[in-house]
Structure formats: structure tokens, C-alpha cells
């Protein structure tokens, strides 16, 4: 025992045990809540900093493994929404996130000059003040020989956390706005307009009588589906090649705001009562796994003629929508299909229906995807006479984004079950934070003595200025509502505690929509701007 103590702190000769202790204690610390806030997985870095300061070491190589695993899973999570974030109001939120990160990088550059902070320390402060662990990952890779990145992140992170929560509480008061009322009014209007409805329509328009249903392009243009027709007092599946007749009653499925023009073009709404609705043997949920469907549009598949069935809704990435004929089927889509029982069974077999598709983790695809990302990351390419690489963060991130967006590339699937993805993300993150913290811990005392007050001031400035700039631009220039603005600010700052505070104040989950649009953009842009910041300061 005395010999062990003489050679170093307790358990110093067992780095694997030290790793488990650091992660466990760090996660326990992260669960502690003070004033409604918690550190989450980032609590690991504070325990790791202390461990490194007292002379502990971790097994070699765990940092790069954690980095790759974390970045790859982040890419898979962001992929489905990252490239789609520029649709609808997501464009505004994406631009807001981009602006917040860009202003944060410029602010960090200026603060580093004023306080004479070293590049590695400033980079860590940038990532910490923006509460961005992907930013930390990119900084560690860009400056692998300087442990100050971890020190800067560890000190700035609590300031970033507190500043975001304080900002979203203070801004509505400064604007003298009732956030709860604004959110409730906007949510009621949006939910009512975008609610999926089923309406019975009586065919009366002479312009459509005698024409085939499939030839009426305006139905597809308004993103509506005709799912059934009324026969007697029962709703029956549509026959293939249906020709419209006067007085026919069709069941239309669409978002509420899309229905009026379609009803007018067909005839009139029929509010007849006593209609027998869906029966269990005339509709089915089908999970797609067969490659004959994946990547093909509903128009190309022509399911009504081939199988006598109609796809009325698609559930994808926890989002339900009415499909258009141009929409392409993705692996793992959950389709609500209407038709006769025998036809549904035939289509289900054709689609490779497998209810366990979303619960299965394809380890081969996981390994191939990560390997492809690492391989891409080490490839050198020249820009302006300089040889550059995407690195262990950029390569896996780009591959994962594409896989998450496309669903599948060749034999590699871009889908991981949510539980598996969250688990692997947290494992990768804790390994990365533990390695970064322990490596930086040895320099902790010296850095605090040299830059302590300057670091604290820099962290607050870097956290606050991007939020103020983003709020002014979003509200005055982009004319974003206050609930959207606050959600977008939290997304641009990649702050989960922040959006938690907003939803609690608003009494609604509505701001999460803008948060979800801004978050993946900020997540990816942080890794880009960290590298740009390092290049500017070097």
C-alpha cells in the first residue's frame, strides 16, 4: 500500500479503473440540479480535470475512439433534419443558427486579442460558452498537442449554460411580452391549420365527372390523398382505375388548410352521419424494409393499380405526414395503407414488413459507416497549395450526415434505433470528455493562475453577444415571433437546458420546433467555425 502511494495517487496503476470511476462520478455530478439546471454528460469533464490535476491517467487511444463514435452518431441524428431544415420557416432558423455561431466565432477572435489568450484556450472557451461538445471535439482534433482546449471548455461551459437560461428568462420581460399567451395563440392556429383531417366529398363538378381519379393532378398538387369511397353506408377501398361519377362520395385525407380548394374542385363537402368508418381488416401499418420500394416514389410504385392499396400517411423520424405522389419511400418508413384484406397482405409481403426494423441495430452497417468516415477523414486534398484533411471529426460527420439523410448508401444503412443511437452517443461523449479532461488537468493550475479572470470574462462575453445579435436580427429583420426566436436562440447555442427553460416558461412544446430546426445547423457549423477560428488565430 505504501509503495502504491509512493508511486502516485491511489489506483494510478489501473487506468481502466480510473476511467470507469471518472465517468461514473462525472455522470452522477451531471445529474445534480441547481436552480433547475444540470451539467448532464459534461459533468464528466470536471471530474476528469480534477483527476488529471492530481496525476491520474487513462488508457491510451480512448479519446479518438470516443471522438469518432460521438461525431458519427451526432451526424446520424442530425442527418434527417439537417438538409431539410431549409424548408418552411426552417430556413430562417437555419440562418439564425448560422449567424449565432458566426458571431460567436468573431467574438471569440476579438476577445482572444484583447485578453491575449492562446489559440487553444480561446478555442475551448468558444466551444464551452456555446455549450457545444462537437465544438470541443473539433478543437481537440485541430490542436491535439495543446491541452488548454479542455481547460477552456471546462471553465466556460457553466457560464454558457447559465447565460442561455438567464437570457431566455430576461428577454420576454425586457420586451414586456406574455410568452405563455403568445405561444398558446400561435400553437392553436398552427395546430388547427396543420391537423390531418378526413373529409367526405360529394362529386358534383362536371369538369371531373367521367375522368379517372389518377388523371386529376390537382389532388396531388394540393398534397391530398383519396383513400376510400362511400358504398351504401360503408367506406370501401378504391378500385383500380376508378372513374368519377356524379354523386360519388370520396374520403379525402389531408392537412386542414389544404382541403378547401380540393373540395371546391370536386364538388361539395358531405357531412353525412351514420357512415361506417375504418374496419380493422381494411387498413394496416406496414414498415418498409424491401429494397424494391426504398428510393422509389409513390408515382413510380403505382400501388393502387398493382396491389389495390393506397398509402394515406407516412410516419418517418417520429413525424407523420400525408404523402405526395412524388415522395420517395425510405427504409424503415411506417406506412398507413388502406385496401382489401387480401391486397394488404400481398403488399405487406412485397414491402418486407418487419415491425422490428426500427429496433434492430445493424452492427455491420455501423462498422462500415464509421470506417468509411475515418477513411474519408484521412484523405488529403489541396486548397491554395496547402494539403488539408477532414480529420476524425469531419470525415465521420460528413458520411453520417449523408447516411442519415439518404437512409441507405449501398449496403450501409443510415439508421440506428433511437435507444442504441443515444447510448452510443453518450458512450462516445463520455470517453471523449474523460480523455480531454484528464489530459488537460495537468495544466489546469497554471492556466487558472495566468488567465483566470480573463477566462471568466471572455466566457460571458462569448456567450452573451451572439444571443443579443441573433435576437435583434431575428426579431427586427427576419420578423420571427418571440416563441420561435427563443427556440432558435437555444438551438443556435446548442443548449438543451435553455430550451427546457423556454418550454417551462411558455407552458408548451411549441418552441421546440424552431429549436429542432436551428440545433442541427449549429451543431455542424460549430465544427466548421472551430477550425476556421484556429486557422485565424494561428
Protein backbone atom coordinates (compact mmCIF):
# COMPACT_ATOMS: atom_id res chain seq x y z
CA UNK A 1 0.00 0.00 0.00
CA UNK A 2 2.81 2.37 0.96
CA UNK A 3 4.59 1.50 -2.27
CA UNK A 4 1.46 2.34 -4.28
CA UNK A 5 1.07 5.67 -2.51
CA UNK A 6 4.73 6.45 -3.03
CA UNK A 7 4.48 5.82 -6.77
CA UNK A 8 1.40 8.02 -7.25
CA UNK A 9 -2.20 8.55 -6.18
CA UNK A 10 -4.45 5.56 -5.36
CA UNK A 11 -5.34 3.33 -8.33
CA UNK A 12 -2.99 5.29 -10.61
CA UNK A 13 -1.58 1.98 -11.90
CA UNK A 14 -5.04 0.87 -13.08
CA UNK A 15 -6.07 3.33 -15.82
CA UNK A 16 -9.14 1.28 -16.84
CA UNK A 17 -10.49 1.52 -13.29
CA UNK A 18 -9.72 5.25 -13.24
CA UNK A 19 -11.70 5.65 -16.46
CA UNK A 20 -14.76 3.94 -15.00
CA UNK A 21 -14.57 5.99 -11.81
CA UNK A 22 -14.19 9.28 -13.70
CA UNK A 23 -17.15 8.52 -15.96
CA UNK A 24 -19.40 7.26 -13.17
CA UNK A 25 -18.69 10.11 -10.77
CA UNK A 26 -18.95 12.61 -13.63
CA UNK A 27 -22.36 11.32 -14.70
CA UNK A 28 -23.60 11.42 -11.09
CA UNK A 29 -22.35 15.03 -10.85
CA UNK A 30 -24.10 15.81 -14.13
CA UNK A 31 -27.47 14.67 -12.76
CA UNK A 32 -27.38 17.10 -9.84
CA UNK A 33 -29.78 20.00 -10.44
CA UNK A 34 -29.18 23.53 -9.18
CA UNK A 35 -31.90 26.12 -9.89
CA UNK A 36 -33.40 23.73 -12.43
CA UNK A 37 -30.12 23.27 -14.36
CA UNK A 38 -27.77 20.33 -14.62
CA UNK A 39 -24.47 19.65 -16.39
CA UNK A 40 -25.59 16.39 -17.98
CA UNK A 41 -22.77 14.30 -19.51
CA UNK A 42 -20.50 17.36 -19.43
CA UNK A 43 -20.09 16.74 -15.69
CA UNK A 44 -17.50 14.12 -16.72
CA UNK A 45 -15.02 16.76 -17.84
CA UNK A 46 -14.97 18.45 -14.43
CA UNK A 47 -14.18 15.20 -12.64
CA UNK A 48 -11.62 14.39 -15.33
CA UNK A 49 -9.94 17.79 -14.93
CA UNK A 50 -9.57 17.13 -11.22
CA UNK A 51 -8.24 13.64 -11.91
CA UNK A 52 -5.65 14.92 -14.37
CA UNK A 53 -4.63 17.66 -11.95
CA UNK A 54 -3.86 15.04 -9.28
CA UNK A 55 -1.79 12.89 -11.62
CA UNK A 56 -4.20 10.24 -12.95
CA UNK A 57 -4.00 8.79 -16.46
CA UNK A 58 -6.42 6.91 -18.72
CA UNK A 59 -5.88 4.06 -21.22
CA UNK A 60 -4.24 5.23 -24.42
CA UNK A 61 -6.38 5.75 -27.50
CA UNK A 62 -9.82 6.14 -25.88
CA UNK A 63 -10.07 9.81 -26.87
CA UNK A 64 -10.02 9.25 -30.68
CA UNK A 65 -12.40 6.27 -30.32
CA UNK A 66 -14.85 8.39 -28.32
CA UNK A 67 -14.49 11.27 -30.78
CA UNK A 68 -15.31 9.14 -33.84
CA UNK A 69 -18.23 7.35 -32.16
CA UNK A 70 -19.73 10.57 -30.81
CA UNK A 71 -19.39 12.56 -34.05
CA UNK A 72 -20.73 9.70 -36.18
CA UNK A 73 -23.85 9.26 -34.03
CA UNK A 74 -24.41 13.03 -33.93
CA UNK A 75 -24.31 13.02 -37.74
CA UNK A 76 -26.85 10.20 -37.97
CA UNK A 77 -29.16 12.07 -35.60
CA UNK A 78 -28.83 15.40 -37.44
CA UNK A 79 -28.86 13.99 -41.00
CA UNK A 80 -32.63 13.57 -41.47
CA UNK A 81 -33.34 17.16 -40.40
CA UNK A 82 -30.10 18.98 -41.37
CA UNK A 83 -30.73 19.05 -45.13
CA UNK A 84 -34.46 19.56 -44.63
CA UNK A 85 -34.02 22.43 -42.20
CA UNK A 86 -34.14 24.90 -45.06
CA UNK A 87 -37.82 24.19 -45.79
CA UNK A 88 -40.67 26.31 -44.45
CA UNK A 89 -39.64 28.52 -41.52
CA UNK A 90 -36.64 26.22 -41.02
CA UNK A 91 -34.75 28.43 -43.48
CA UNK A 92 -34.99 31.34 -41.08
CA UNK A 93 -33.97 29.19 -38.10
CA UNK A 94 -31.05 27.73 -40.05
CA UNK A 95 -29.85 31.23 -40.94
CA UNK A 96 -30.31 32.30 -37.32
CA UNK A 97 -28.19 29.38 -36.11
CA UNK A 98 -25.52 30.13 -38.69
CA UNK A 99 -25.46 33.77 -37.64
CA UNK A 100 -25.19 32.95 -33.93
CA UNK A 101 -22.26 30.59 -34.45
CA UNK A 102 -20.51 33.03 -36.82
CA UNK A 103 -20.91 35.93 -34.37
CA UNK A 104 -19.64 33.67 -31.57
CA UNK A 105 -16.51 32.83 -33.55
CA UNK A 106 -15.83 36.50 -34.39
CA UNK A 107 -16.43 37.50 -30.77
CA UNK A 108 -14.01 34.83 -29.59
CA UNK A 109 -11.39 36.06 -32.04
CA UNK A 110 -11.76 39.63 -30.75
CA UNK A 111 -11.78 38.60 -27.09
CA UNK A 112 -8.67 36.47 -27.58
CA UNK A 113 -6.86 39.51 -28.98
CA UNK A 114 -7.99 41.81 -26.16
CA UNK A 115 -7.18 39.39 -23.31
CA UNK A 116 -4.14 37.88 -25.10
CA UNK A 117 -5.50 34.33 -24.83
CA UNK A 118 -3.63 31.48 -26.52
CA UNK A 119 -5.43 29.90 -29.53
CA UNK A 120 -6.11 26.59 -27.76
CA UNK A 121 -7.58 28.26 -24.68
CA UNK A 122 -9.72 30.60 -26.79
CA UNK A 123 -10.98 27.66 -28.85
CA UNK A 124 -12.02 25.82 -25.69
CA UNK A 125 -13.78 28.94 -24.39
CA UNK A 126 -15.65 29.26 -27.70
CA UNK A 127 -16.91 25.66 -27.52
CA UNK A 128 -17.74 25.92 -23.80
CA UNK A 129 -19.54 29.26 -23.97
CA UNK A 130 -21.62 27.92 -26.88
CA UNK A 131 -22.20 24.71 -24.82
CA UNK A 132 -21.08 22.66 -27.82
CA UNK A 133 -19.39 19.31 -27.24
CA UNK A 134 -18.92 18.79 -31.03
CA UNK A 135 -17.07 22.10 -30.96
CA UNK A 136 -14.82 20.70 -28.24
CA UNK A 137 -14.24 17.57 -30.31
CA UNK A 138 -13.23 19.64 -33.34
CA UNK A 139 -10.95 21.81 -31.20
CA UNK A 140 -9.18 18.81 -29.67
CA UNK A 141 -8.55 17.37 -33.11
CA UNK A 142 -7.39 20.70 -34.58
CA UNK A 143 -4.98 21.27 -31.66
CA UNK A 144 -4.07 17.76 -30.46
CA UNK A 145 -0.87 18.79 -28.70
CA UNK A 146 -2.34 21.57 -26.55
CA UNK A 147 -4.40 20.51 -23.53
CA UNK A 148 -5.68 24.04 -22.92
CA UNK A 149 -8.68 23.34 -25.16
CA UNK A 150 -10.17 21.12 -22.47
CA UNK A 151 -9.40 23.63 -19.71
CA UNK A 152 -11.10 26.45 -21.63
CA UNK A 153 -14.15 24.32 -22.33
CA UNK A 154 -14.45 23.12 -18.73
CA UNK A 155 -14.35 26.64 -17.32
CA UNK A 156 -16.55 28.31 -19.96
CA UNK A 157 -19.28 25.65 -20.09
CA UNK A 158 -21.04 26.61 -16.82
CA UNK A 159 -21.03 30.28 -17.88
CA UNK A 160 -22.58 29.36 -21.23
CA UNK A 161 -25.19 27.22 -19.51
CA UNK A 162 -26.22 29.95 -17.07
CA UNK A 163 -26.16 32.75 -19.64
CA UNK A 164 -28.54 30.98 -22.05
CA UNK A 165 -31.06 30.16 -19.31
CA UNK A 166 -30.86 33.70 -17.93
CA UNK A 167 -31.24 35.22 -21.42
CA UNK A 168 -34.42 33.33 -22.31
CA UNK A 169 -35.96 34.38 -18.98
CA UNK A 170 -34.93 38.04 -19.20
CA UNK A 171 -35.69 38.80 -22.88
CA UNK A 172 -39.52 38.40 -22.66
CA UNK A 173 -39.54 40.71 -19.64
CA UNK A 174 -37.48 43.35 -21.45
CA UNK A 175 -39.91 43.14 -24.37
CA UNK A 176 -42.89 43.22 -21.96
CA UNK A 177 -44.35 40.19 -23.72
CA UNK A 178 -46.51 37.40 -22.32
CA UNK A 179 -44.62 34.38 -23.66
CA UNK A 180 -47.23 31.90 -22.48
CA UNK A 181 -50.07 33.73 -24.26
CA UNK A 182 -48.08 34.25 -27.48
CA UNK A 183 -47.17 30.57 -27.60
CA UNK A 184 -50.69 29.41 -26.86
CA UNK A 185 -52.19 31.59 -29.62
CA UNK A 186 -49.60 30.59 -32.24
CA UNK A 187 -49.82 26.93 -31.32
CA UNK A 188 -53.62 26.88 -31.53
CA UNK A 189 -53.59 28.46 -35.00
CA UNK A 190 -50.84 26.22 -36.36
CA UNK A 191 -52.24 23.02 -34.91
CA UNK A 192 -55.70 23.75 -36.26
CA UNK A 193 -54.43 24.57 -39.75
CA UNK A 194 -52.00 21.65 -40.00
CA UNK A 195 -54.13 18.96 -38.37
CA UNK A 196 -54.65 15.95 -40.61
CA UNK A 197 -58.34 15.60 -41.37
CA UNK A 198 -60.57 13.15 -43.24
CA UNK A 199 -63.47 14.72 -45.12
CA UNK A 200 -66.24 13.15 -47.19
CA UNK A 201 -66.65 14.98 -50.54
CA UNK A 202 -69.56 14.61 -52.97
CA UNK A 203 -68.53 14.68 -56.66
CA UNK A 204 -70.61 17.32 -58.49
CA UNK A 205 -68.22 19.26 -60.74
CA UNK A 206 -68.97 18.41 -64.42
CA UNK A 207 -65.29 19.03 -65.25
CA UNK A 208 -64.18 15.94 -63.30
CA UNK A 209 -67.15 13.61 -63.94
CA UNK A 210 -66.16 10.81 -66.32
CA UNK A 211 -62.44 11.24 -65.70
CA UNK A 212 -60.14 8.77 -63.99
CA UNK A 213 -59.14 9.69 -60.47
CA UNK A 214 -55.45 9.16 -61.28
CA UNK A 215 -55.70 11.84 -64.01
CA UNK A 216 -56.73 14.60 -61.58
CA UNK A 217 -53.35 16.20 -60.94
CA UNK A 218 -54.73 18.93 -58.65
CA UNK A 219 -55.31 16.34 -55.91
CA UNK A 220 -51.60 15.54 -55.83
CA UNK A 221 -50.68 19.22 -56.22
CA UNK A 222 -52.54 20.01 -53.00
CA UNK A 223 -50.88 17.04 -51.26
CA UNK A 224 -54.17 15.21 -50.67
CA UNK A 225 -54.98 11.51 -50.73
CA UNK A 226 -58.29 9.94 -51.76
CA UNK A 227 -58.32 6.88 -49.53
CA UNK A 228 -61.86 5.42 -49.85
CA UNK A 229 -65.28 5.83 -51.37
CA UNK A 230 -68.71 5.51 -49.82
CA UNK A 231 -70.68 2.44 -50.91
CA UNK A 232 -74.03 2.34 -49.19
CA UNK A 233 -73.16 3.45 -45.69
CA UNK A 234 -69.70 1.89 -45.62
CA UNK A 235 -66.34 3.30 -46.67
CA UNK A 236 -64.70 0.86 -49.06
CA UNK A 237 -61.17 0.80 -50.57
CA UNK A 238 -60.84 2.38 -54.03
CA UNK A 239 -60.87 0.08 -57.06
CA UNK A 240 -58.00 0.42 -59.53
CA UNK A 241 -58.76 2.79 -62.42
CA UNK A 242 -61.69 4.46 -60.64
CA UNK A 243 -63.77 6.68 -62.95
CA UNK A 244 -65.59 9.51 -61.20
CA UNK A 245 -69.37 9.63 -61.41
CA UNK A 246 -71.82 12.29 -60.32
CA UNK A 247 -72.88 11.85 -56.74
CA UNK A 248 -69.94 9.64 -55.72
CA UNK A 249 -68.69 10.33 -52.22
CA UNK A 250 -64.91 10.19 -51.72
CA UNK A 251 -62.95 10.27 -48.46
CA UNK A 252 -60.14 12.86 -48.71
CA UNK A 253 -57.19 12.84 -46.28
CA UNK A 254 -55.04 15.99 -45.99
CA UNK A 255 -53.91 18.81 -43.76
CA UNK A 256 -56.90 21.01 -42.92
CA UNK A 257 -55.54 24.09 -44.70
CA UNK A 258 -55.14 22.15 -47.98
CA UNK A 259 -58.71 20.83 -48.14
CA UNK A 260 -60.90 23.82 -49.27
CA UNK A 261 -59.61 24.14 -52.88
CA UNK A 262 -59.78 20.36 -53.43
CA UNK A 263 -63.36 20.20 -52.11
CA UNK A 264 -64.32 23.07 -54.41
CA UNK A 265 -62.76 21.42 -57.48
CA UNK A 266 -64.51 18.10 -56.83
CA UNK A 267 -67.90 19.29 -55.68
CA UNK A 268 -69.02 19.93 -52.12
CA UNK A 269 -68.40 18.72 -48.60
CA UNK A 270 -70.75 16.00 -47.36
CA UNK A 271 -71.31 15.94 -43.61
CA UNK A 272 -73.47 12.84 -43.78
CA UNK A 273 -73.71 10.94 -40.49
CA UNK A 274 -74.08 7.23 -39.92
CA UNK A 275 -71.12 6.34 -42.12
CA UNK A 276 -69.22 3.24 -41.04
CA UNK A 277 -65.56 4.25 -40.78
CA UNK A 278 -62.40 2.16 -40.92
CA UNK A 279 -62.54 -1.51 -40.09
CA UNK A 280 -59.51 -3.39 -38.82
CA UNK A 281 -59.19 -5.59 -41.90
CA UNK A 282 -59.16 -2.64 -44.35
CA UNK A 283 -56.14 -0.75 -43.05
CA UNK A 284 -52.68 -1.78 -41.93
CA UNK A 285 -49.44 -0.25 -40.71
CA UNK A 286 -46.56 -1.55 -42.84
CA UNK A 287 -42.87 -1.00 -42.01
CA UNK A 288 -40.79 -0.92 -45.21
CA UNK A 289 -37.57 -2.90 -45.45
CA UNK A 290 -37.56 -4.29 -49.01
CA UNK A 291 -35.19 -2.60 -51.47
CA UNK A 292 -37.84 -2.82 -54.24
CA UNK A 293 -39.67 0.06 -52.54
CA UNK A 294 -36.81 2.03 -50.98
CA UNK A 295 -35.88 5.10 -53.01
CA UNK A 296 -38.92 4.93 -55.29
CA UNK A 297 -41.75 7.45 -55.39
CA UNK A 298 -45.40 6.55 -54.89
CA UNK A 299 -45.97 7.54 -58.51
CA UNK A 300 -43.36 5.02 -59.71
CA UNK A 301 -44.73 2.27 -57.47
CA UNK A 302 -48.35 2.76 -58.71
CA UNK A 303 -49.62 0.77 -55.73
CA UNK A 304 -53.31 1.25 -56.44
CA UNK A 305 -53.09 -0.47 -59.83
CA UNK A 306 -50.60 -3.15 -58.77
CA UNK A 307 -51.98 -4.04 -55.34
CA UNK A 308 -55.27 -2.19 -54.98
CA UNK A 309 -53.98 -0.28 -51.93
CA UNK A 310 -53.48 3.39 -51.08
CA UNK A 311 -50.82 4.88 -48.80
CA UNK A 312 -52.63 7.57 -46.81
CA UNK A 313 -49.94 8.52 -44.31
CA UNK A 314 -46.23 8.03 -43.66
CA UNK A 315 -44.53 8.05 -40.27
CA UNK A 316 -40.83 8.96 -40.62
CA UNK A 317 -38.41 10.09 -37.90
CA UNK A 318 -41.34 10.48 -35.44
CA UNK A 319 -43.15 12.78 -37.91
CA UNK A 320 -46.46 11.85 -39.56
CA UNK A 321 -47.44 13.40 -42.90
CA UNK A 322 -49.77 12.92 -45.87
CA UNK A 323 -47.58 11.77 -48.78
CA UNK A 324 -47.44 13.27 -52.24
CA UNK A 325 -47.10 11.09 -55.32
CA UNK A 326 -43.55 12.42 -55.76
CA UNK A 327 -42.49 11.45 -52.22
CA UNK A 328 -39.96 8.63 -52.12
CA UNK A 329 -40.15 5.75 -49.69
CA UNK A 330 -37.26 5.44 -47.24
CA UNK A 331 -36.02 2.40 -45.38
CA UNK A 332 -37.94 1.96 -42.15
CA UNK A 333 -40.90 4.16 -43.15
CA UNK A 334 -44.11 3.21 -41.36
CA UNK A 335 -46.93 3.39 -43.90
CA UNK A 336 -50.65 3.53 -43.15
CA UNK A 337 -52.12 1.56 -46.05
CA UNK A 338 -55.81 1.18 -46.96
CA UNK A 339 -57.26 -1.65 -49.05
CA UNK A 340 -58.96 -5.02 -49.00
CA UNK A 341 -57.52 -7.52 -46.53
CA UNK A 342 -56.06 -9.81 -49.22
CA UNK A 343 -54.44 -6.85 -51.02
CA UNK A 344 -52.98 -5.53 -47.78
CA UNK A 345 -51.41 -8.90 -47.06
CA UNK A 346 -49.88 -9.04 -50.56
CA UNK A 347 -48.47 -5.53 -50.25
CA UNK A 348 -47.17 -6.19 -46.75
CA UNK A 349 -45.19 -9.17 -48.03
CA UNK A 350 -43.92 -7.15 -51.01
CA UNK A 351 -42.75 -4.31 -48.71
CA UNK A 352 -40.84 -6.70 -46.46
CA UNK A 353 -42.99 -5.69 -43.49
CA UNK A 354 -40.99 -6.12 -40.30
CA UNK A 355 -42.13 -4.43 -37.09
CA UNK A 356 -38.67 -4.97 -35.59
CA UNK A 357 -36.92 -2.97 -38.32
CA UNK A 358 -36.58 0.12 -36.12
CA UNK A 359 -35.48 -1.93 -33.11
CA UNK A 360 -32.60 -3.78 -34.76
CA UNK A 361 -29.05 -2.44 -34.66
CA UNK A 362 -27.08 -3.35 -37.78
CA UNK A 363 -23.53 -3.55 -36.40
CA UNK A 364 -22.11 -4.30 -39.85
CA UNK A 365 -23.54 -1.05 -41.24
CA UNK A 366 -22.33 0.79 -38.13
CA UNK A 367 -18.79 -0.52 -38.60
CA UNK A 368 -18.73 0.13 -42.34
CA UNK A 369 -20.10 3.65 -41.91
CA UNK A 370 -17.54 4.59 -39.25
CA UNK A 371 -14.72 3.03 -41.29
CA UNK A 372 -15.82 4.99 -44.38
CA UNK A 373 -15.89 8.20 -42.34
CA UNK A 374 -12.42 7.65 -40.88
CA UNK A 375 -11.06 6.77 -44.33
CA UNK A 376 -12.55 9.95 -45.80
CA UNK A 377 -11.15 11.95 -42.90
CA UNK A 378 -7.53 10.97 -43.60
CA UNK A 379 -7.69 11.65 -47.36
CA UNK A 380 -5.58 14.67 -48.26
CA UNK A 381 -6.81 17.29 -50.73
CA UNK A 382 -5.20 20.52 -51.81
CA UNK A 383 -6.60 24.05 -51.47
CA UNK A 384 -4.45 27.04 -52.35
CA UNK A 385 -1.32 24.94 -52.40
CA UNK A 386 -1.97 23.55 -48.90
CA UNK A 387 -2.81 19.93 -48.11
CA UNK A 388 -5.85 19.54 -45.87
CA UNK A 389 -7.85 16.67 -44.40
CA UNK A 390 -11.34 16.48 -42.92
CA UNK A 391 -9.90 14.68 -39.90
CA UNK A 392 -11.51 12.30 -37.44
CA UNK A 393 -14.36 14.72 -36.84
CA UNK A 394 -15.09 15.99 -40.36
CA UNK A 395 -14.91 12.65 -42.21
CA UNK A 396 -17.27 10.60 -39.98
CA UNK A 397 -19.56 13.61 -39.64
CA UNK A 398 -19.97 14.06 -43.40
CA UNK A 399 -20.55 10.35 -44.02
CA UNK A 400 -23.08 10.14 -41.16
CA UNK A 401 -24.97 13.22 -42.37
CA UNK A 402 -25.34 11.73 -45.84
CA UNK A 403 -26.36 8.33 -44.47
CA UNK A 404 -28.86 9.90 -42.08
CA UNK A 405 -30.35 11.95 -44.91
CA UNK A 406 -30.43 9.24 -47.59
CA UNK A 407 -31.29 6.34 -45.29
CA UNK A 408 -29.01 3.94 -47.12
CA UNK A 409 -25.97 4.03 -49.41
CA UNK A 410 -25.20 0.69 -51.00
CA UNK A 411 -25.03 -1.92 -48.22
CA UNK A 412 -24.60 0.70 -45.48
CA UNK A 413 -27.77 1.69 -43.63
CA UNK A 414 -28.09 5.13 -42.13
CA UNK A 415 -30.49 4.04 -39.40
CA UNK A 416 -29.79 3.19 -35.79
CA UNK A 417 -32.63 2.59 -33.32
CA UNK A 418 -33.08 5.66 -31.16
CA UNK A 419 -32.12 3.88 -27.94
CA UNK A 420 -28.95 2.44 -29.49
CA UNK A 421 -28.03 5.79 -31.05
CA UNK A 422 -28.45 7.68 -27.78
CA UNK A 423 -26.44 5.06 -25.89
CA UNK A 424 -23.54 5.10 -28.38
CA UNK A 425 -23.61 8.91 -28.46
CA UNK A 426 -23.29 9.12 -24.68
CA UNK A 427 -20.59 6.45 -24.55
CA UNK A 428 -18.57 8.28 -27.19
CA UNK A 429 -19.09 11.63 -25.48
CA UNK A 430 -18.08 10.40 -22.02
CA UNK A 431 -14.93 8.77 -23.41
CA UNK A 432 -14.04 11.98 -25.24
CA UNK A 433 -14.69 14.22 -22.22
CA UNK A 434 -12.82 11.92 -19.85
CA UNK A 435 -9.75 11.82 -22.09
CA UNK A 436 -9.81 15.57 -22.76
CA UNK A 437 -10.29 16.43 -19.10
CA UNK A 438 -7.57 14.18 -17.73
CA UNK A 439 -5.12 15.36 -20.41
CA UNK A 440 -5.92 19.00 -19.63
CA UNK A 441 -5.92 18.55 -15.86
CA UNK A 442 -2.14 18.66 -15.58
CA UNK A 443 -2.14 22.23 -16.94
CA UNK A 444 -5.23 23.36 -15.01
CA UNK A 445 -3.45 25.14 -12.17
CA UNK A 446 -1.04 27.05 -14.38
CA UNK A 447 -3.76 28.18 -16.79
CA UNK A 448 -6.03 29.39 -13.97
CA UNK A 449 -3.17 31.35 -12.39
CA UNK A 450 -2.32 33.01 -15.70
CA UNK A 451 -5.76 33.64 -17.23
CA UNK A 452 -8.37 33.00 -14.53
CA UNK A 453 -10.27 36.34 -14.50
CA UNK A 454 -9.75 36.91 -18.22
CA UNK A 455 -11.19 33.46 -18.99
CA UNK A 456 -14.33 34.11 -16.95
CA UNK A 457 -14.90 37.49 -18.63
CA UNK A 458 -14.26 36.00 -22.07
CA UNK A 459 -16.72 33.16 -21.47
CA UNK A 460 -19.54 35.56 -20.52
CA UNK A 461 -18.86 37.85 -23.48
CA UNK A 462 -18.71 34.98 -25.98
CA UNK A 463 -21.98 33.56 -24.61
CA UNK A 464 -23.98 36.79 -24.49
CA UNK A 465 -23.05 38.74 -27.64
CA UNK A 466 -24.15 36.04 -30.16
CA UNK A 467 -27.53 35.73 -28.42
CA UNK A 468 -28.10 39.50 -28.41
CA UNK A 469 -27.09 39.79 -32.08
CA UNK A 470 -29.25 36.81 -33.03
CA UNK A 471 -32.27 38.21 -31.19
CA UNK A 472 -32.00 41.63 -32.85
CA UNK A 473 -31.63 40.20 -36.36
CA UNK A 474 -34.35 37.57 -35.92
CA UNK A 475 -36.91 39.95 -34.41
CA UNK A 476 -36.22 43.16 -36.36
CA UNK A 477 -35.05 41.81 -39.73
CA UNK A 478 -36.49 38.31 -40.09
CA UNK A 479 -39.70 39.16 -38.18
CA UNK A 480 -39.70 35.96 -36.15
CA UNK A 481 -42.20 35.59 -33.31
CA UNK A 482 -40.89 35.58 -29.76
CA UNK A 483 -41.52 31.85 -29.11
CA UNK A 484 -39.74 30.97 -32.37
CA UNK A 485 -36.93 33.38 -31.55
CA UNK A 486 -36.26 31.87 -28.13
CA UNK A 487 -36.35 28.33 -29.52
CA UNK A 488 -33.98 29.33 -32.31
CA UNK A 489 -31.60 31.03 -29.86
CA UNK A 490 -31.40 27.85 -27.77
CA UNK A 491 -30.87 25.78 -30.90
CA UNK A 492 -28.14 28.12 -32.15
CA UNK A 493 -26.43 27.87 -28.75
CA UNK A 494 -26.97 24.06 -28.75
CA UNK A 495 -28.43 24.44 -25.26
CA UNK A 496 -30.76 21.69 -24.07
CA UNK A 497 -31.22 23.29 -20.61
CA UNK A 498 -32.09 26.53 -22.41
CA UNK A 499 -34.95 25.00 -24.41
CA UNK A 500 -36.11 23.30 -21.24
CA UNK A 501 -36.38 26.71 -19.58
CA UNK A 502 -38.26 28.14 -22.59
CA UNK A 503 -40.82 25.35 -22.73
CA UNK A 504 -41.35 25.64 -18.98
CA UNK A 505 -41.98 29.39 -19.26
CA UNK A 506 -44.18 29.02 -22.34
CA UNK A 507 -46.14 26.10 -20.91
CA UNK A 508 -45.85 24.41 -24.30
CA UNK A 509 -43.51 22.36 -26.50
CA UNK A 510 -44.13 24.69 -29.49
CA UNK A 511 -40.69 26.46 -29.31
CA UNK A 512 -39.06 23.03 -29.74
CA UNK A 513 -39.96 23.19 -33.46
CA UNK A 514 -37.66 26.16 -34.10
CA UNK A 515 -35.08 24.69 -31.70
CA UNK A 516 -35.07 21.48 -33.73
CA UNK A 517 -34.59 23.43 -36.98
CA UNK A 518 -31.69 25.51 -35.63
CA UNK A 519 -29.95 22.88 -33.50
CA UNK A 520 -28.54 20.54 -36.19
CA UNK A 521 -27.29 23.51 -38.24
CA UNK A 522 -25.50 24.97 -35.20
CA UNK A 523 -24.18 21.54 -34.30
CA UNK A 524 -22.50 21.13 -37.68
CA UNK A 525 -21.43 24.76 -38.07
CA UNK A 526 -19.62 24.68 -34.72
CA UNK A 527 -17.22 22.04 -36.06
CA UNK A 528 -16.62 24.20 -39.14
CA UNK A 529 -16.12 27.50 -37.32
CA UNK A 530 -13.83 25.96 -34.71
CA UNK A 531 -11.43 25.01 -37.48
CA UNK A 532 -11.76 28.46 -39.04
CA UNK A 533 -11.10 30.10 -35.68
CA UNK A 534 -7.98 28.00 -35.12
CA UNK A 535 -6.73 28.93 -38.61
CA UNK A 536 -7.40 32.66 -37.96
CA UNK A 537 -5.54 32.67 -34.64
CA UNK A 538 -2.59 30.50 -35.72
